[in-house]
Amino acid sequence: MHRRFWNSFPGLRFSPRLARTLAAGVLLCSASISFAQQLNNMEDDPDEQEKAWQEVALQLPAAPETADLVDFYVSPVSTSTSYIDLKSLSIGSDNVVRYTMITKTSGGATNISYEGLRCETFEVKVYAFGRPDGSWSRSRQIAWKRIVDFGSNRQTAALYKQYFCQGGMLDGNLSKITRRLQTKHPIDLANDH
């Protein structure tokens, strides 16, 4: 019977060595599939799985006041000055740093945004934009976006790298971050660890 099967493939000869090799290959594939299924089952185990990240409910802050603003260094090519409203600065239970950022361009324009920054994912979300009357306009873009770290508009990257995060993790509590901003001592220069 076995020889009849092999004879149905012209040019291929039956040999016990070939049969053993094919049988070993089939067993290896079967074992690999079984291992992959077991590994998948372990990942689905709720005891082994971390709780999924969930963002806390948003509460917009009061309009920024000039007395509460602290400027921070962005880059040598930046043509604007950026500020953080220290009263709006917070760290949520979801580990998101939220703040109001004010950017004043050399041409006189002022942009106000309320943002959230995630150290673990190098992402930012703009929640709302400030209006001249002190009210907020909610952003239509509600997705988290990768932080831009080039050019003159790298304000969020500067906050991430110099004041909020290190090694993909939040670096310090609210008081340490506030102190860094007030004293203009970035993470790599601060002796607050």
C-alpha atoms as a PDB file:
ATOM      1  CA  MET A   1       0.000   0.000   0.000  1.00  0.00           C
ATOM      2  CA  HIS A   2       2.762   2.436   0.954  1.00  0.00           C
ATOM      3  CA  ARG A   3       4.645   1.713  -2.243  1.00  0.00           C
ATOM      4  CA  ARG A   4       1.538   2.228  -4.327  1.00  0.00           C
ATOM      5  CA  PHE A   5       1.149   5.721  -2.752  1.00  0.00           C
ATOM      6  CA  TRP A   6       4.740   6.648  -3.552  1.00  0.00           C
ATOM      7  CA  ASN A   7       4.427   5.279  -7.078  1.00  0.00           C
ATOM      8  CA  SER A   8       1.680   7.837  -7.746  1.00  0.00           C
ATOM      9  CA  PHE A   9       4.377  10.564  -7.713  1.00  0.00           C
ATOM     10  CA  PRO A  10       6.516  10.099 -10.827  1.00  0.00           C
ATOM     11  CA  GLY A  11      10.199  10.669 -10.214  1.00  0.00           C
ATOM     12  CA  LEU A  12       9.895  10.165  -6.449  1.00  0.00           C
ATOM     13  CA  ARG A  13      11.144   6.905  -4.976  1.00  0.00           C
ATOM     14  CA  PHE A  14       9.994   5.416  -1.712  1.00  0.00           C
ATOM     15  CA  SER A  15      12.694   5.119   0.865  1.00  0.00           C
ATOM     16  CA  PRO A  16      12.430   4.390   4.567  1.00  0.00           C
ATOM     17  CA  ARG A  17      14.702   7.331   5.289  1.00  0.00           C
ATOM     18  CA  LEU A  18      12.389   9.751   3.461  1.00  0.00           C
ATOM     19  CA  ALA A  19       9.378   8.311   5.292  1.00  0.00           C
ATOM     20  CA  ARG A  20      11.058   8.791   8.693  1.00  0.00           C
ATOM     21  CA  THR A  21      12.027  12.388   7.808  1.00  0.00           C
ATOM     22  CA  LEU A  22       8.476  13.236   6.761  1.00  0.00           C
ATOM     23  CA  ALA A  23       7.032  11.603   9.892  1.00  0.00           C
ATOM     24  CA  ALA A  24       9.430  13.595  12.085  1.00  0.00           C
ATOM     25  CA  GLY A  25       8.426  16.813  10.279  1.00  0.00           C
ATOM     26  CA  VAL A  26       4.736  16.103  10.841  1.00  0.00           C
ATOM     27  CA  LEU A  27       5.360  15.397  14.534  1.00  0.00           C
ATOM     28  CA  LEU A  28       7.414  18.594  14.893  1.00  0.00           C
ATOM     29  CA  CYS A  29       4.646  20.683  13.284  1.00  0.00           C
ATOM     30  CA  SER A  30       2.059  19.059  15.517  1.00  0.00           C
ATOM     31  CA  ALA A  31       4.130  19.755  18.644  1.00  0.00           C
ATOM     32  CA  SER A  32       4.678  23.382  17.573  1.00  0.00           C
ATOM     33  CA  ILE A  33       0.950  23.923  17.072  1.00  0.00           C
ATOM     34  CA  SER A  34       0.191  22.339  20.449  1.00  0.00           C
ATOM     35  CA  PHE A  35       2.795  24.540  22.174  1.00  0.00           C
ATOM     36  CA  ALA A  36       1.408  27.680  20.495  1.00  0.00           C
ATOM     37  CA  GLN A  37      -2.117  26.801  21.652  1.00  0.00           C
ATOM     38  CA  GLN A  38      -0.923  26.295  25.230  1.00  0.00           C
ATOM     39  CA  LEU A  39       0.970  29.582  25.138  1.00  0.00           C
ATOM     40  CA  ASN A  40      -2.139  31.362  23.859  1.00  0.00           C
ATOM     41  CA  ASN A  41      -4.219  29.825  26.655  1.00  0.00           C
ATOM     42  CA  MET A  42      -1.722  31.087  29.239  1.00  0.00           C
ATOM     43  CA  GLU A  43      -1.978  34.623  27.856  1.00  0.00           C
ATOM     44  CA  ASP A  44      -5.768  34.480  28.176  1.00  0.00           C
ATOM     45  CA  ASP A  45      -5.531  33.473  31.840  1.00  0.00           C
ATOM     46  CA  PRO A  46      -7.095  36.341  33.838  1.00  0.00           C
ATOM     47  CA  ASP A  47      -4.790  35.715  36.798  1.00  0.00           C
ATOM     48  CA  GLU A  48      -1.746  36.238  34.583  1.00  0.00           C
ATOM     49  CA  GLN A  49      -3.149  39.166  32.648  1.00  0.00           C
ATOM     50  CA  GLU A  50      -2.617  42.771  33.710  1.00  0.00           C
ATOM     51  CA  LYS A  51      -5.633  44.950  34.105  1.00  0.00           C
ATOM     52  CA  ALA A  52      -6.278  46.901  30.906  1.00  0.00           C
ATOM     53  CA  TRP A  53      -5.429  50.608  31.041  1.00  0.00           C
ATOM     54  CA  GLN A  54      -8.428  52.888  31.242  1.00  0.00           C
ATOM     55  CA  GLU A  55      -8.441  56.667  31.026  1.00  0.00           C
ATOM     56  CA  VAL A  56     -10.138  58.602  33.827  1.00  0.00           C
ATOM     57  CA  ALA A  57     -13.052  60.936  33.134  1.00  0.00           C
ATOM     58  CA  LEU A  58     -12.004  64.347  31.897  1.00  0.00           C
ATOM     59  CA  GLN A  59     -12.564  67.513  33.855  1.00  0.00           C
ATOM     60  CA  LEU A  60     -11.447  70.722  32.157  1.00  0.00           C
ATOM     61  CA  PRO A  61      -9.476  73.151  34.345  1.00  0.00           C
ATOM     62  CA  ALA A  62     -10.120  76.845  34.939  1.00  0.00           C
ATOM     63  CA  ALA A  63      -8.734  79.262  32.364  1.00  0.00           C
ATOM     64  CA  PRO A  64      -5.016  79.919  32.868  1.00  0.00           C
ATOM     65  CA  GLU A  65      -3.905  83.012  34.790  1.00  0.00           C
ATOM     66  CA  THR A  66      -0.673  84.815  33.895  1.00  0.00           C
ATOM     67  CA  ALA A  67       0.632  84.531  37.483  1.00  0.00           C
ATOM     68  CA  ASP A  68       0.484  80.705  37.277  1.00  0.00           C
ATOM     69  CA  LEU A  69       2.443  80.352  34.028  1.00  0.00           C
ATOM     70  CA  VAL A  70       5.966  78.956  33.882  1.00  0.00           C
ATOM     71  CA  ASP A  71       7.922  78.967  30.628  1.00  0.00           C
ATOM     72  CA  PHE A  72      10.072  76.015  29.589  1.00  0.00           C
ATOM     73  CA  TYR A  73      12.827  75.408  27.050  1.00  0.00           C
ATOM     74  CA  VAL A  74      11.702  73.762  23.795  1.00  0.00           C
ATOM     75  CA  SER A  75      14.629  73.884  21.357  1.00  0.00           C
ATOM     76  CA  PRO A  76      17.235  76.252  19.927  1.00  0.00           C
ATOM     77  CA  VAL A  77      15.205  76.630  16.700  1.00  0.00           C
ATOM     78  CA  SER A  78      11.876  77.381  18.367  1.00  0.00           C
ATOM     79  CA  THR A  79      10.406  80.738  17.366  1.00  0.00           C
ATOM     80  CA  SER A  80       7.774  80.657  20.092  1.00  0.00           C
ATOM     81  CA  THR A  81       7.674  80.628  23.880  1.00  0.00           C
ATOM     82  CA  SER A  82       5.760  77.876  25.641  1.00  0.00           C
ATOM     83  CA  TYR A  83       4.304  77.936  29.146  1.00  0.00           C
ATOM     84  CA  ILE A  84       2.638  75.481  31.503  1.00  0.00           C
ATOM     85  CA  ASP A  85      -0.172  76.620  33.776  1.00  0.00           C
ATOM     86  CA  LEU A  86       0.975  75.119  37.081  1.00  0.00           C
ATOM     87  CA  LYS A  87      -2.554  75.231  38.551  1.00  0.00           C
ATOM     88  CA  SER A  88      -3.773  72.908  35.802  1.00  0.00           C
ATOM     89  CA  LEU A  89      -0.891  70.419  36.163  1.00  0.00           C
ATOM     90  CA  SER A  90      -2.101  67.055  37.506  1.00  0.00           C
ATOM     91  CA  ILE A  91      -1.328  63.353  37.458  1.00  0.00           C
ATOM     92  CA  GLY A  92      -4.408  61.150  37.208  1.00  0.00           C
ATOM     93  CA  SER A  93      -4.926  57.698  38.673  1.00  0.00           C
ATOM     94  CA  ASP A  94      -4.498  56.517  35.056  1.00  0.00           C
ATOM     95  CA  ASN A  95      -0.893  57.845  35.198  1.00  0.00           C
ATOM     96  CA  VAL A  96      -1.610  60.565  32.628  1.00  0.00           C
ATOM     97  CA  VAL A  97       0.021  63.957  33.182  1.00  0.00           C
ATOM     98  CA  ARG A  98      -2.543  66.650  32.296  1.00  0.00           C
ATOM     99  CA  TYR A  99      -1.731  70.313  31.849  1.00  0.00           C
ATOM    100  CA  THR A 100      -2.664  73.511  30.064  1.00  0.00           C
ATOM    101  CA  MET A 101      -0.005  74.634  27.606  1.00  0.00           C
ATOM    102  CA  ILE A 102       0.155  78.179  26.275  1.00  0.00           C
ATOM    103  CA  THR A 103       2.322  78.896  23.241  1.00  0.00           C
ATOM    104  CA  LYS A 104       3.017  82.455  22.138  1.00  0.00           C
ATOM    105  CA  THR A 105       4.535  82.869  18.688  1.00  0.00           C
ATOM    106  CA  SER A 106       6.983  85.592  17.694  1.00  0.00           C
ATOM    107  CA  GLY A 107       4.229  86.972  15.441  1.00  0.00           C
ATOM    108  CA  GLY A 108       1.933  87.550  18.415  1.00  0.00           C
ATOM    109  CA  ALA A 109      -0.465  84.585  18.139  1.00  0.00           C
ATOM    110  CA  THR A 110      -1.386  82.689  21.312  1.00  0.00           C
ATOM    111  CA  ASN A 111      -2.468  79.058  21.363  1.00  0.00           C
ATOM    112  CA  ILE A 112      -3.938  77.490  24.498  1.00  0.00           C
ATOM    113  CA  SER A 113      -4.545  73.753  24.792  1.00  0.00           C
ATOM    114  CA  TYR A 114      -5.418  71.332  27.555  1.00  0.00           C
ATOM    115  CA  GLU A 115      -3.495  68.113  26.990  1.00  0.00           C
ATOM    116  CA  GLY A 116      -2.706  64.730  28.464  1.00  0.00           C
ATOM    117  CA  LEU A 117       0.617  62.931  28.131  1.00  0.00           C
ATOM    118  CA  ARG A 118       1.283  59.206  28.607  1.00  0.00           C
ATOM    119  CA  CYS A 119       4.881  58.363  29.485  1.00  0.00           C
ATOM    120  CA  GLU A 120       4.409  54.619  28.902  1.00  0.00           C
ATOM    121  CA  THR A 121       3.380  55.037  25.258  1.00  0.00           C
ATOM    122  CA  PHE A 122       5.058  58.341  24.192  1.00  0.00           C
ATOM    123  CA  GLU A 123       1.625  59.700  23.281  1.00  0.00           C
ATOM    124  CA  VAL A 124      -0.327  62.924  23.724  1.00  0.00           C
ATOM    125  CA  LYS A 125      -3.981  63.805  23.520  1.00  0.00           C
ATOM    126  CA  VAL A 126      -5.359  67.315  23.089  1.00  0.00           C
ATOM    127  CA  TYR A 127      -8.615  67.511  25.049  1.00  0.00           C
ATOM    128  CA  ALA A 128      -9.593  71.110  24.383  1.00  0.00           C
ATOM    129  CA  PHE A 129      -8.477  74.476  23.056  1.00  0.00           C
ATOM    130  CA  GLY A 130      -8.706  77.689  25.045  1.00  0.00           C
ATOM    131  CA  ARG A 131     -10.726  80.632  23.774  1.00  0.00           C
ATOM    132  CA  PRO A 132      -9.939  84.333  24.435  1.00  0.00           C
ATOM    133  CA  ASP A 133     -12.958  84.591  26.790  1.00  0.00           C
ATOM    134  CA  GLY A 134     -11.528  81.846  29.055  1.00  0.00           C
ATOM    135  CA  SER A 135     -13.892  79.080  27.906  1.00  0.00           C
ATOM    136  CA  TRP A 136     -12.854  75.788  26.301  1.00  0.00           C
ATOM    137  CA  SER A 137     -13.657  74.265  22.913  1.00  0.00           C
ATOM    138  CA  ARG A 138     -13.404  70.477  23.033  1.00  0.00           C
ATOM    139  CA  SER A 139     -11.092  68.906  20.489  1.00  0.00           C
ATOM    140  CA  ARG A 140     -12.650  66.876  17.685  1.00  0.00           C
ATOM    141  CA  GLN A 141      -9.559  64.644  17.585  1.00  0.00           C
ATOM    142  CA  ILE A 142     -10.054  62.370  20.589  1.00  0.00           C
ATOM    143  CA  ALA A 143      -7.390  59.781  19.812  1.00  0.00           C
ATOM    144  CA  TRP A 144      -3.995  59.473  21.452  1.00  0.00           C
ATOM    145  CA  LYS A 145      -1.217  60.436  19.019  1.00  0.00           C
ATOM    146  CA  ARG A 146       2.496  59.802  18.928  1.00  0.00           C
ATOM    147  CA  ILE A 147       4.492  62.767  20.246  1.00  0.00           C
ATOM    148  CA  VAL A 148       6.322  64.808  17.585  1.00  0.00           C
ATOM    149  CA  ASP A 149       9.995  65.189  18.442  1.00  0.00           C
ATOM    150  CA  PHE A 150      11.484  67.289  15.665  1.00  0.00           C
ATOM    151  CA  GLY A 151      11.439  70.833  14.395  1.00  0.00           C
ATOM    152  CA  SER A 152      10.395  73.898  16.301  1.00  0.00           C
ATOM    153  CA  ASN A 153       6.976  72.567  17.383  1.00  0.00           C
ATOM    154  CA  ARG A 154       8.272  69.946  19.789  1.00  0.00           C
ATOM    155  CA  GLN A 155       6.803  71.413  22.969  1.00  0.00           C
ATOM    156  CA  THR A 156       5.226  68.140  24.108  1.00  0.00           C
ATOM    157  CA  ALA A 157       8.427  66.191  23.417  1.00  0.00           C
ATOM    158  CA  ALA A 158      10.347  68.722  25.512  1.00  0.00           C
ATOM    159  CA  LEU A 159       7.932  68.192  28.420  1.00  0.00           C
ATOM    160  CA  TYR A 160       8.147  64.424  28.018  1.00  0.00           C
ATOM    161  CA  LYS A 161      11.947  64.253  27.909  1.00  0.00           C
ATOM    162  CA  GLN A 162      12.919  67.109  30.198  1.00  0.00           C
ATOM    163  CA  TYR A 163      10.268  67.282  32.913  1.00  0.00           C
ATOM    164  CA  PHE A 164       7.727  64.438  33.018  1.00  0.00           C
ATOM    165  CA  CYS A 165       9.143  61.087  31.894  1.00  0.00           C
ATOM    166  CA  GLN A 166      12.286  59.008  31.912  1.00  0.00           C
ATOM    167  CA  GLY A 167      12.720  55.529  30.469  1.00  0.00           C
ATOM    168  CA  GLY A 168       9.082  55.346  29.393  1.00  0.00           C
ATOM    169  CA  MET A 169       7.839  55.941  32.935  1.00  0.00           C
ATOM    170  CA  LEU A 170       6.563  58.897  34.907  1.00  0.00           C
ATOM    171  CA  ASP A 171       9.550  60.387  36.722  1.00  0.00           C
ATOM    172  CA  GLY A 172       8.432  61.664  40.083  1.00  0.00           C
ATOM    173  CA  ASN A 173       5.253  62.896  41.655  1.00  0.00           C
ATOM    174  CA  LEU A 174       3.376  66.139  41.037  1.00  0.00           C
ATOM    175  CA  SER A 175       5.490  68.139  43.475  1.00  0.00           C
ATOM    176  CA  LYS A 176       8.790  67.016  41.875  1.00  0.00           C
ATOM    177  CA  ILE A 177       7.553  67.789  38.371  1.00  0.00           C
ATOM    178  CA  THR A 178       6.265  71.193  39.501  1.00  0.00           C
ATOM    179  CA  ARG A 179       9.607  71.961  41.140  1.00  0.00           C
ATOM    180  CA  ARG A 180      11.494  71.011  37.945  1.00  0.00           C
ATOM    181  CA  LEU A 181       9.341  73.401  35.924  1.00  0.00           C
ATOM    182  CA  GLN A 182       9.611  76.235  38.461  1.00  0.00           C
ATOM    183  CA  THR A 183      13.382  75.953  38.808  1.00  0.00           C
ATOM    184  CA  LYS A 184      13.957  75.097  35.135  1.00  0.00           C
ATOM    185  CA  HIS A 185      15.997  72.021  36.061  1.00  0.00           C
ATOM    186  CA  PRO A 186      15.273  69.177  33.619  1.00  0.00           C
ATOM    187  CA  ILE A 187      15.299  65.541  34.714  1.00  0.00           C
ATOM    188  CA  ASP A 188      18.894  64.821  33.683  1.00  0.00           C
ATOM    189  CA  LEU A 189      20.141  67.812  35.717  1.00  0.00           C
ATOM    190  CA  ALA A 190      17.846  67.426  38.709  1.00  0.00           C
ATOM    191  CA  ASN A 191      19.092  65.777  41.875  1.00  0.00           C
ATOM    192  CA  ASP A 192      15.654  64.836  43.080  1.00  0.00           C
ATOM    193  CA  HIS A 193      15.704  61.057  42.636  1.00  0.00           C
END
